[in-house]
Structures are given as structure tokens and as C-alpha cells.
Amino acid sequence: MARKAARVQTLMSVPIRSADPAPPRRPWAGYTLIEVLVVLAIFGLSTAIIMPSTARMLDQTTSHAVFFEFQRQVSDLRREANRTGEAVRVVDPSMPKTEADRLIKLRAPWRYTLAPALDIAEGGGCSTVSANLINQDRVVMTLRTDDGTCRFIRLQAPPAKGRGAS
């Protein structure tokens, strides 16, 4: 009996092991420094590739929005001249103007030049005129009216000089 009790006591003191051993634990969990640096390098390269084209697209979108706003204001003045039966004269902001002369307001820092002044007749017809849309002292668009319709068309811009060009 004593022998049987000693054997039960020995079996109870042996720790019970599970059939599925636990995987060894890493001393630190998470990502290694190399993995983090590789991901940051990929993000940096993709940003360097994408940002110039995104900035260019944003500039083009803004310049087209300014052009359409300019055209809309001219169309509004044309409708006003047609409705009231009085001629309207739009002048370059840098030129001296009279009380009857009108200016077109563009968002800052945009401005425009007109050569010569835009005359809108009582019936809504317009004189032939050239306009430049300027952003921070750089001509972005050159426009011209034709046919007396007050519709500005964009003239072909000269090719931009590259970095290496003189």
C-alpha cells in the first residue's frame, strides 16, 4: 500500500505537458529596423516620383479655373452691355482709367494685361484684343478674341526652357 501511495505521489508531481508545444517566443515582437527602413524608403521614392506631376496638374487646374473666371466675367459684361444698351470698356489695371472703365477681378496673386482695351459694343460685340494671364510675374496664358464674339481663345504657349537651356 505504501508503494502504491508513493507511486501516486510521484505521478502527481510530474508536470503535465500539452501535446502541442508552444512556438518559441521572440525576445522582441514587431518589425525589425530593416523592415521599417525599407518601407520608409519605398514611401520616399514614390513621393518623389508622384509629387512633381501632382504639383504640375494642380497648377494647370488653377490656371484653367482663372481662365474660365476671366471668360465668365467678360461674358457677364457682354450681357450687361446687351441688356442696358450701353457700351462697356474693360481696361488693363495698370492703365489710367475713367469712371466708366471696368476692371476684371482675379484671385490673388493672379492679374491680367490687355492690349488694347476691350471695347464691348451696345449690342454685345467685342473688339479684337490680346490678354495675358499672369501669376507671380510669370505669363501663364496668352489669350485673344476674334470675330467680335468676346470669346477668348488660348494661343499656343512658347516651349518652356529646360534647366540646361540658356
N, C-alpha and C. Protein backbone atom coordinates (compact mmCIF):
# COMPACT_ATOMS: atom_id res chain seq x y z
N MET A 1 0.81 -1.17 0.00
CA MET A 1 0.00 0.00 0.00
C MET A 1 0.87 1.25 0.00
N ALA A 2 1.93 1.16 0.78
CA ALA A 2 2.82 2.29 0.83
C ALA A 2 3.47 2.52 -0.53
N ARG A 3 3.71 1.40 -1.21
CA ARG A 3 4.33 1.52 -2.52
C ARG A 3 3.38 2.17 -3.52
N LYS A 4 2.12 1.82 -3.43
CA LYS A 4 1.13 2.40 -4.33
C LYS A 4 0.95 3.89 -4.05
N ALA A 5 0.97 4.30 -2.81
CA ALA A 5 0.82 5.71 -2.44
C ALA A 5 2.03 6.50 -2.93
N ALA A 6 3.22 5.92 -2.85
CA ALA A 6 4.42 6.62 -3.31
C ALA A 6 4.38 6.82 -4.82
N ARG A 7 3.84 5.82 -5.53
CA ARG A 7 3.75 5.94 -6.97
C ARG A 7 2.75 7.01 -7.38
N VAL A 8 1.61 7.12 -6.72
CA VAL A 8 0.62 8.16 -7.00
C VAL A 8 1.22 9.51 -6.70
N GLN A 9 1.96 9.63 -5.61
CA GLN A 9 2.60 10.89 -5.24
C GLN A 9 3.58 11.30 -6.34
N THR A 10 4.33 10.39 -6.90
CA THR A 10 5.30 10.69 -7.94
C THR A 10 4.61 11.12 -9.23
N LEU A 11 3.54 10.48 -9.58
CA LEU A 11 2.82 10.85 -10.78
C LEU A 11 2.18 12.23 -10.65
N MET A 12 1.76 12.60 -9.48
CA MET A 12 1.12 13.91 -9.28
C MET A 12 2.13 15.05 -9.34
N SER A 13 3.39 14.77 -9.01
CA SER A 13 4.38 15.84 -9.02
C SER A 13 4.96 16.10 -10.40
N VAL A 14 4.73 15.22 -11.37
CA VAL A 14 5.24 15.40 -12.72
C VAL A 14 4.33 16.41 -13.44
N PRO A 15 4.91 17.45 -14.02
CA PRO A 15 4.08 18.43 -14.72
C PRO A 15 3.46 17.81 -15.97
N ILE A 16 2.24 18.21 -16.24
CA ILE A 16 1.52 17.71 -17.40
C ILE A 16 1.90 18.58 -18.60
N ARG A 17 2.31 17.95 -19.68
CA ARG A 17 2.70 18.67 -20.89
C ARG A 17 1.60 18.53 -21.92
N SER A 18 1.38 19.62 -22.67
CA SER A 18 0.37 19.55 -23.72
C SER A 18 0.96 18.84 -24.93
N ALA A 19 0.08 18.33 -25.75
CA ALA A 19 0.53 17.62 -26.94
C ALA A 19 1.09 18.59 -27.99
N ASP A 20 0.63 19.86 -28.01
CA ASP A 20 1.06 20.86 -28.98
C ASP A 20 2.04 21.83 -28.31
N PRO A 21 3.31 21.67 -28.58
CA PRO A 21 4.26 22.56 -27.91
C PRO A 21 4.11 24.00 -28.40
N ALA A 22 4.26 24.98 -27.52
CA ALA A 22 4.15 26.40 -27.88
C ALA A 22 5.36 26.81 -28.72
N PRO A 23 5.15 27.69 -29.73
CA PRO A 23 6.29 28.14 -30.53
C PRO A 23 7.23 28.98 -29.67
N PRO A 24 8.50 28.97 -30.01
CA PRO A 24 9.43 29.78 -29.21
C PRO A 24 9.12 31.27 -29.39
N ARG A 25 9.19 32.01 -28.32
CA ARG A 25 8.89 33.44 -28.36
C ARG A 25 10.13 34.22 -28.78
N ARG A 26 9.88 35.26 -29.62
CA ARG A 26 10.98 36.16 -29.96
C ARG A 26 11.18 37.09 -28.78
N PRO A 27 12.40 37.48 -28.52
CA PRO A 27 12.62 38.38 -27.37
C PRO A 27 11.93 39.73 -27.57
N TRP A 28 11.74 40.18 -28.82
CA TRP A 28 11.00 41.41 -29.08
C TRP A 28 10.01 41.14 -30.20
N ALA A 29 8.81 41.66 -30.05
CA ALA A 29 7.77 41.46 -31.05
C ALA A 29 7.70 42.69 -31.94
N GLY A 30 7.18 42.58 -33.16
CA GLY A 30 7.03 43.73 -34.06
C GLY A 30 7.95 43.59 -35.26
N TYR A 31 8.26 44.76 -35.87
CA TYR A 31 9.05 44.79 -37.09
C TYR A 31 10.50 45.09 -36.77
N THR A 32 11.38 44.59 -37.61
CA THR A 32 12.79 44.88 -37.43
C THR A 32 13.09 46.26 -38.00
N LEU A 33 14.20 46.80 -37.63
CA LEU A 33 14.61 48.12 -38.11
C LEU A 33 14.78 48.11 -39.63
N ILE A 34 15.31 47.06 -40.19
CA ILE A 34 15.49 46.96 -41.63
C ILE A 34 14.15 47.01 -42.34
N GLU A 35 13.15 46.31 -41.82
CA GLU A 35 11.82 46.31 -42.44
C GLU A 35 11.22 47.71 -42.44
N VAL A 36 11.34 48.42 -41.34
CA VAL A 36 10.81 49.78 -41.24
C VAL A 36 11.54 50.70 -42.21
N LEU A 37 12.85 50.58 -42.31
CA LEU A 37 13.62 51.44 -43.22
C LEU A 37 13.29 51.16 -44.68
N VAL A 38 13.06 49.90 -45.03
CA VAL A 38 12.69 49.57 -46.41
C VAL A 38 11.34 50.19 -46.76
N VAL A 39 10.37 50.10 -45.86
CA VAL A 39 9.05 50.70 -46.11
C VAL A 39 9.16 52.21 -46.24
N LEU A 40 9.94 52.86 -45.38
CA LEU A 40 10.12 54.31 -45.47
C LEU A 40 10.82 54.70 -46.78
N ALA A 41 11.77 53.90 -47.22
CA ALA A 41 12.45 54.20 -48.49
C ALA A 41 11.48 54.09 -49.66
N ILE A 42 10.59 53.10 -49.63
CA ILE A 42 9.59 52.95 -50.70
C ILE A 42 8.64 54.13 -50.71
N PHE A 43 8.18 54.55 -49.54
CA PHE A 43 7.30 55.73 -49.45
C PHE A 43 8.01 56.97 -49.97
N GLY A 44 9.26 57.16 -49.61
CA GLY A 44 10.02 58.32 -50.06
C GLY A 44 10.19 58.35 -51.57
N LEU A 45 10.52 57.21 -52.16
CA LEU A 45 10.68 57.15 -53.62
C LEU A 45 9.37 57.40 -54.35
N SER A 46 8.30 56.81 -53.86
CA SER A 46 7.02 57.03 -54.54
C SER A 46 6.58 58.48 -54.42
N THR A 47 6.83 59.12 -53.30
CA THR A 47 6.50 60.54 -53.14
C THR A 47 7.34 61.40 -54.08
N ALA A 48 8.62 61.09 -54.19
CA ALA A 48 9.50 61.86 -55.08
C ALA A 48 9.08 61.72 -56.54
N ILE A 49 8.51 60.59 -56.90
CA ILE A 49 8.08 60.38 -58.28
C ILE A 49 6.74 61.06 -58.54
N ILE A 50 5.83 61.00 -57.58
CA ILE A 50 4.46 61.48 -57.78
C ILE A 50 4.32 62.99 -57.59
N MET A 51 5.02 63.59 -56.67
CA MET A 51 4.80 65.00 -56.31
C MET A 51 4.99 65.99 -57.46
N PRO A 52 6.03 65.90 -58.28
CA PRO A 52 6.16 66.89 -59.36
C PRO A 52 4.99 66.87 -60.33
N SER A 53 4.53 65.68 -60.71
CA SER A 53 3.40 65.62 -61.64
C SER A 53 2.12 66.10 -60.98
N THR A 54 1.95 65.82 -59.70
CA THR A 54 0.76 66.30 -58.98
C THR A 54 0.78 67.81 -58.88
N ALA A 55 1.91 68.40 -58.58
CA ALA A 55 2.02 69.86 -58.49
C ALA A 55 1.74 70.50 -59.85
N ARG A 56 2.24 69.89 -60.92
CA ARG A 56 2.00 70.41 -62.26
C ARG A 56 0.51 70.36 -62.61
N MET A 57 -0.13 69.26 -62.27
CA MET A 57 -1.57 69.14 -62.53
C MET A 57 -2.37 70.17 -61.74
N LEU A 58 -1.97 70.41 -60.51
CA LEU A 58 -2.65 71.40 -59.68
C LEU A 58 -2.47 72.80 -60.26
N ASP A 59 -1.28 73.13 -60.75
CA ASP A 59 -1.05 74.42 -61.39
C ASP A 59 -1.90 74.58 -62.65
N GLN A 60 -1.98 73.52 -63.45
CA GLN A 60 -2.80 73.59 -64.67
C GLN A 60 -4.27 73.77 -64.33
N THR A 61 -4.74 73.07 -63.33
CA THR A 61 -6.14 73.19 -62.91
C THR A 61 -6.44 74.60 -62.44
N THR A 62 -5.55 75.17 -61.67
CA THR A 62 -5.74 76.54 -61.18
C THR A 62 -5.74 77.53 -62.33
N SER A 63 -4.81 77.38 -63.27
CA SER A 63 -4.75 78.31 -64.40
C SER A 63 -6.00 78.21 -65.27
N HIS A 64 -6.53 77.00 -65.46
CA HIS A 64 -7.77 76.86 -66.23
C HIS A 64 -8.95 77.48 -65.48
N ALA A 65 -8.97 77.34 -64.16
CA ALA A 65 -10.04 77.95 -63.37
C ALA A 65 -9.99 79.47 -63.48
N VAL A 66 -8.80 80.05 -63.45
CA VAL A 66 -8.66 81.50 -63.59
C VAL A 66 -9.09 81.93 -64.99
N PHE A 67 -8.71 81.16 -66.03
CA PHE A 67 -9.13 81.48 -67.39
C PHE A 67 -10.66 81.48 -67.51
N PHE A 68 -11.31 80.44 -66.96
CA PHE A 68 -12.77 80.36 -67.06
C PHE A 68 -13.44 81.49 -66.27
N GLU A 69 -12.85 81.88 -65.15
CA GLU A 69 -13.40 83.00 -64.38
C GLU A 69 -13.26 84.30 -65.18
N PHE A 70 -12.11 84.49 -65.81
CA PHE A 70 -11.88 85.66 -66.66
C PHE A 70 -12.92 85.70 -67.78
N GLN A 71 -13.09 84.56 -68.47
CA GLN A 71 -14.05 84.48 -69.57
C GLN A 71 -15.48 84.72 -69.07
N ARG A 72 -15.82 84.21 -67.89
CA ARG A 72 -17.16 84.39 -67.35
C ARG A 72 -17.44 85.87 -67.06
N GLN A 73 -16.46 86.57 -66.49
CA GLN A 73 -16.66 87.98 -66.20
C GLN A 73 -16.82 88.80 -67.48
N VAL A 74 -16.06 88.47 -68.52
CA VAL A 74 -16.22 89.16 -69.81
C VAL A 74 -17.61 88.88 -70.38
N SER A 75 -18.07 87.64 -70.29
CA SER A 75 -19.41 87.29 -70.77
C SER A 75 -20.49 88.04 -70.00
N ASP A 76 -20.30 88.18 -68.68
CA ASP A 76 -21.26 88.95 -67.87
C ASP A 76 -21.31 90.40 -68.32
N LEU A 77 -20.15 90.99 -68.61
CA LEU A 77 -20.11 92.38 -69.08
C LEU A 77 -20.76 92.49 -70.46
N ARG A 78 -20.57 91.50 -71.29
CA ARG A 78 -21.20 91.50 -72.61
C ARG A 78 -22.73 91.45 -72.49
N ARG A 79 -23.22 90.60 -71.60
CA ARG A 79 -24.67 90.54 -71.38
C ARG A 79 -25.20 91.86 -70.83
N GLU A 80 -24.42 92.48 -69.93
CA GLU A 80 -24.83 93.78 -69.38
C GLU A 80 -24.91 94.82 -70.48
N ALA A 81 -23.91 94.85 -71.38
CA ALA A 81 -23.93 95.83 -72.48
C ALA A 81 -25.12 95.57 -73.39
N ASN A 82 -25.43 94.33 -73.64
CA ASN A 82 -26.56 93.97 -74.50
C ASN A 82 -27.88 94.35 -73.83
N ARG A 83 -27.98 94.12 -72.52
CA ARG A 83 -29.22 94.38 -71.79
C ARG A 83 -29.46 95.88 -71.61
N THR A 84 -28.42 96.64 -71.27
CA THR A 84 -28.59 98.07 -70.98
C THR A 84 -28.51 98.93 -72.23
N GLY A 85 -27.90 98.41 -73.28
CA GLY A 85 -27.73 99.21 -74.50
C GLY A 85 -26.62 100.23 -74.38
N GLU A 86 -25.72 100.07 -73.40
CA GLU A 86 -24.59 100.98 -73.22
C GLU A 86 -23.29 100.21 -73.41
N ALA A 87 -22.34 100.86 -74.09
CA ALA A 87 -21.05 100.22 -74.33
C ALA A 87 -20.28 100.08 -73.01
N VAL A 88 -19.47 99.05 -72.94
CA VAL A 88 -18.63 98.80 -71.76
C VAL A 88 -17.19 98.72 -72.22
N ARG A 89 -16.31 99.29 -71.43
CA ARG A 89 -14.88 99.27 -71.77
C ARG A 89 -14.12 98.64 -70.60
N VAL A 90 -13.39 97.56 -70.90
CA VAL A 90 -12.56 96.88 -69.90
C VAL A 90 -11.11 97.27 -70.18
N VAL A 91 -10.44 97.75 -69.15
CA VAL A 91 -9.07 98.25 -69.34
C VAL A 91 -8.08 97.41 -68.56
N ASP A 92 -6.83 97.57 -68.93
CA ASP A 92 -5.72 96.96 -68.21
C ASP A 92 -5.63 97.63 -66.84
N PRO A 93 -5.45 96.89 -65.77
CA PRO A 93 -5.39 97.51 -64.44
C PRO A 93 -4.25 98.50 -64.26
N SER A 94 -3.19 98.37 -65.04
CA SER A 94 -2.05 99.29 -64.89
C SER A 94 -2.25 100.59 -65.66
N MET A 95 -3.28 100.67 -66.51
CA MET A 95 -3.53 101.86 -67.31
C MET A 95 -4.42 102.83 -66.53
N PRO A 96 -4.32 104.12 -66.84
CA PRO A 96 -5.24 105.06 -66.21
C PRO A 96 -6.67 104.77 -66.67
N LYS A 97 -7.62 104.89 -65.77
CA LYS A 97 -8.99 104.56 -66.14
C LYS A 97 -9.93 105.69 -65.74
N THR A 98 -11.04 105.72 -66.43
CA THR A 98 -12.09 106.69 -66.11
C THR A 98 -13.14 105.98 -65.26
N GLU A 99 -14.16 106.73 -64.86
CA GLU A 99 -15.21 106.13 -64.03
C GLU A 99 -15.99 105.06 -64.79
N ALA A 100 -16.11 105.21 -66.10
CA ALA A 100 -16.90 104.27 -66.88
C ALA A 100 -16.13 102.98 -67.19
N ASP A 101 -14.81 103.02 -67.08
CA ASP A 101 -14.00 101.83 -67.39
C ASP A 101 -14.19 100.76 -66.32
N ARG A 102 -14.10 99.52 -66.75
CA ARG A 102 -14.28 98.38 -65.84
C ARG A 102 -12.99 97.60 -65.72
N LEU A 103 -12.86 96.93 -64.59
CA LEU A 103 -11.74 96.02 -64.36
C LEU A 103 -12.31 94.63 -64.08
N ILE A 104 -11.51 93.63 -64.36
CA ILE A 104 -11.88 92.26 -64.05
C ILE A 104 -11.09 91.85 -62.81
N LYS A 105 -11.79 91.26 -61.86
CA LYS A 105 -11.14 90.84 -60.62
C LYS A 105 -10.77 89.37 -60.71
N LEU A 106 -9.49 89.08 -60.46
CA LEU A 106 -9.00 87.70 -60.44
C LEU A 106 -8.51 87.37 -59.04
N ARG A 107 -8.47 86.09 -58.73
CA ARG A 107 -7.98 85.67 -57.40
C ARG A 107 -6.50 86.01 -57.26
N ALA A 108 -6.09 86.33 -56.05
CA ALA A 108 -4.69 86.65 -55.79
C ALA A 108 -3.87 85.38 -55.91
N PRO A 109 -2.70 85.42 -56.41
CA PRO A 109 -1.85 86.50 -56.90
C PRO A 109 -1.97 86.71 -58.42
N TRP A 110 -3.06 86.28 -59.01
CA TRP A 110 -3.25 86.40 -60.45
C TRP A 110 -3.59 87.83 -60.85
N ARG A 111 -3.16 88.22 -62.05
CA ARG A 111 -3.54 89.51 -62.64
C ARG A 111 -3.55 89.35 -64.15
N TYR A 112 -3.98 90.37 -64.84
CA TYR A 112 -4.06 90.29 -66.30
C TYR A 112 -3.58 91.58 -66.91
N THR A 113 -3.25 91.50 -68.21
CA THR A 113 -2.95 92.68 -69.01
C THR A 113 -3.80 92.60 -70.26
N LEU A 114 -4.22 93.75 -70.77
CA LEU A 114 -4.99 93.83 -72.02
C LEU A 114 -4.29 94.78 -72.96
N ALA A 115 -4.23 94.45 -74.23
CA ALA A 115 -3.67 95.35 -75.23
C ALA A 115 -4.46 95.19 -76.51
N PRO A 116 -5.14 96.15 -76.98
CA PRO A 116 -5.58 97.39 -76.32
C PRO A 116 -6.74 97.07 -75.37
N ALA A 117 -7.42 98.11 -74.90
CA ALA A 117 -8.57 97.91 -74.02
C ALA A 117 -9.66 97.14 -74.76
N LEU A 118 -10.45 96.37 -74.02
CA LEU A 118 -11.54 95.59 -74.60
C LEU A 118 -12.80 96.45 -74.64
N ASP A 119 -13.26 96.76 -75.84
CA ASP A 119 -14.48 97.54 -76.02
C ASP A 119 -15.63 96.59 -76.37
N ILE A 120 -16.68 96.65 -75.56
CA ILE A 120 -17.87 95.83 -75.80
C ILE A 120 -18.97 96.79 -76.25
N ALA A 121 -19.45 96.59 -77.48
CA ALA A 121 -20.47 97.49 -78.05
C ALA A 121 -21.83 97.27 -77.40
N GLU A 122 -22.76 98.19 -77.69
CA GLU A 122 -24.10 98.13 -77.11
C GLU A 122 -24.80 96.81 -77.41
N GLY A 123 -24.57 96.26 -78.57
CA GLY A 123 -25.22 95.00 -78.95
C GLY A 123 -24.49 93.77 -78.45
N GLY A 124 -23.33 93.94 -77.82
CA GLY A 124 -22.59 92.80 -77.28
C GLY A 124 -21.39 92.39 -78.09
N GLY A 125 -21.10 93.07 -79.20
CA GLY A 125 -19.92 92.74 -79.99
C GLY A 125 -18.66 93.27 -79.33
N CYS A 126 -17.55 92.60 -79.55
CA CYS A 126 -16.29 92.97 -78.89
C CYS A 126 -15.22 93.33 -79.91
N SER A 127 -14.29 94.15 -79.45
CA SER A 127 -13.13 94.47 -80.27
C SER A 127 -12.11 93.33 -80.16
N THR A 128 -11.18 93.30 -81.12
CA THR A 128 -10.12 92.30 -81.07
C THR A 128 -9.07 92.77 -80.07
N VAL A 129 -8.71 91.87 -79.18
CA VAL A 129 -7.81 92.25 -78.09
C VAL A 129 -6.95 91.05 -77.70
N SER A 130 -5.78 91.31 -77.16
CA SER A 130 -4.92 90.26 -76.60
C SER A 130 -4.85 90.45 -75.10
N ALA A 131 -4.83 89.35 -74.39
CA ALA A 131 -4.76 89.40 -72.93
C ALA A 131 -3.72 88.39 -72.45
N ASN A 132 -3.07 88.72 -71.38
CA ASN A 132 -2.14 87.80 -70.72
C ASN A 132 -2.65 87.55 -69.31
N LEU A 133 -2.71 86.30 -68.91
CA LEU A 133 -3.00 85.95 -67.52
C LEU A 133 -1.66 85.69 -66.85
N ILE A 134 -1.41 86.41 -65.77
CA ILE A 134 -0.10 86.42 -65.14
C ILE A 134 -0.23 85.93 -63.70
N ASN A 135 0.66 85.04 -63.32
CA ASN A 135 0.72 84.55 -61.95
C ASN A 135 2.12 84.79 -61.41
N GLN A 136 2.22 85.65 -60.41
CA GLN A 136 3.51 85.98 -59.78
C GLN A 136 4.57 86.36 -60.81
N ASP A 137 4.25 87.33 -61.64
CA ASP A 137 5.16 87.88 -62.65
C ASP A 137 5.57 86.87 -63.73
N ARG A 138 4.78 85.82 -63.94
CA ARG A 138 5.04 84.86 -65.00
C ARG A 138 3.78 84.74 -65.85
N VAL A 139 3.93 84.99 -67.16
CA VAL A 139 2.79 84.88 -68.06
C VAL A 139 2.45 83.40 -68.21
N VAL A 140 1.24 83.04 -67.79
CA VAL A 140 0.81 81.65 -67.83
C VAL A 140 0.03 81.37 -69.11
N MET A 141 -0.81 82.34 -69.54
CA MET A 141 -1.61 82.16 -70.74
C MET A 141 -1.66 83.45 -71.52
N THR A 142 -1.62 83.32 -72.84
CA THR A 142 -1.87 84.44 -73.73
C THR A 142 -3.18 84.15 -74.46
N LEU A 143 -4.10 85.10 -74.39
CA LEU A 143 -5.44 84.92 -74.95
C LEU A 143 -5.69 85.96 -76.03
N ARG A 144 -6.64 85.67 -76.91
CA ARG A 144 -7.00 86.61 -77.97
C ARG A 144 -8.48 86.44 -78.31
N THR A 145 -9.13 87.56 -78.58
CA THR A 145 -10.52 87.50 -79.05
C THR A 145 -10.50 87.63 -80.56
N ASP A 146 -11.46 86.99 -81.21
CA ASP A 146 -11.62 87.10 -82.66
C ASP A 146 -13.11 87.13 -82.96
N ASP A 147 -13.46 87.56 -84.14
CA ASP A 147 -14.83 87.50 -84.66
C ASP A 147 -15.82 88.38 -83.91
N GLY A 148 -15.37 89.22 -82.98
CA GLY A 148 -16.30 90.08 -82.26
C GLY A 148 -17.23 89.34 -81.31
N THR A 149 -16.86 88.11 -80.93
CA THR A 149 -17.75 87.30 -80.09
C THR A 149 -17.44 87.39 -78.60
N CYS A 150 -16.40 88.07 -78.20
CA CYS A 150 -15.97 88.19 -76.80
C CYS A 150 -15.49 86.86 -76.23
N ARG A 151 -15.27 85.87 -77.05
CA ARG A 151 -14.77 84.59 -76.57
C ARG A 151 -13.25 84.59 -76.74
N PHE A 152 -12.57 84.36 -75.66
CA PHE A 152 -11.11 84.32 -75.69
C PHE A 152 -10.66 82.91 -76.05
N ILE A 153 -9.65 82.84 -76.92
CA ILE A 153 -9.04 81.56 -77.23
C ILE A 153 -7.60 81.62 -76.74
N ARG A 154 -7.11 80.49 -76.32
CA ARG A 154 -5.75 80.42 -75.80
C ARG A 154 -4.78 80.25 -76.96
N LEU A 155 -3.80 81.11 -77.04
CA LEU A 155 -2.77 81.00 -78.07
C LEU A 155 -1.75 79.97 -77.63
N GLN A 156 -1.09 79.36 -78.59
CA GLN A 156 -0.09 78.35 -78.27
C GLN A 156 1.04 79.01 -77.48
N ALA A 157 1.34 78.44 -76.32
CA ALA A 157 2.40 78.97 -75.48
C ALA A 157 3.75 78.58 -76.05
N PRO A 158 4.76 79.45 -75.92
CA PRO A 158 6.10 79.07 -76.38
C PRO A 158 6.63 77.94 -75.51
N PRO A 159 7.48 77.06 -76.06
CA PRO A 159 8.00 75.96 -75.26
C PRO A 159 8.83 76.49 -74.09
N ALA A 160 8.65 75.86 -72.94
CA ALA A 160 9.38 76.28 -71.73
C ALA A 160 10.84 75.87 -71.86
N LYS A 161 11.71 76.73 -71.36
CA LYS A 161 13.13 76.40 -71.39
C LYS A 161 13.44 75.35 -70.34
N GLY A 162 14.28 74.41 -70.70
CA GLY A 162 14.70 73.37 -69.76
C GLY A 162 15.73 73.92 -68.80
N ARG A 163 16.13 73.10 -67.86
CA ARG A 163 17.12 73.53 -66.86
C ARG A 163 18.47 73.81 -67.50
N GLY A 164 18.83 73.02 -68.49
CA GLY A 164 20.15 73.18 -69.10
C GLY A 164 20.17 74.24 -70.19
N ALA A 165 19.00 74.73 -70.61
CA ALA A 165 18.96 75.72 -71.70
C ALA A 165 19.42 77.07 -71.18
N SER A 166 19.97 77.88 -72.09
CA SER A 166 20.43 79.21 -71.67
C SER A 166 19.59 80.28 -72.32
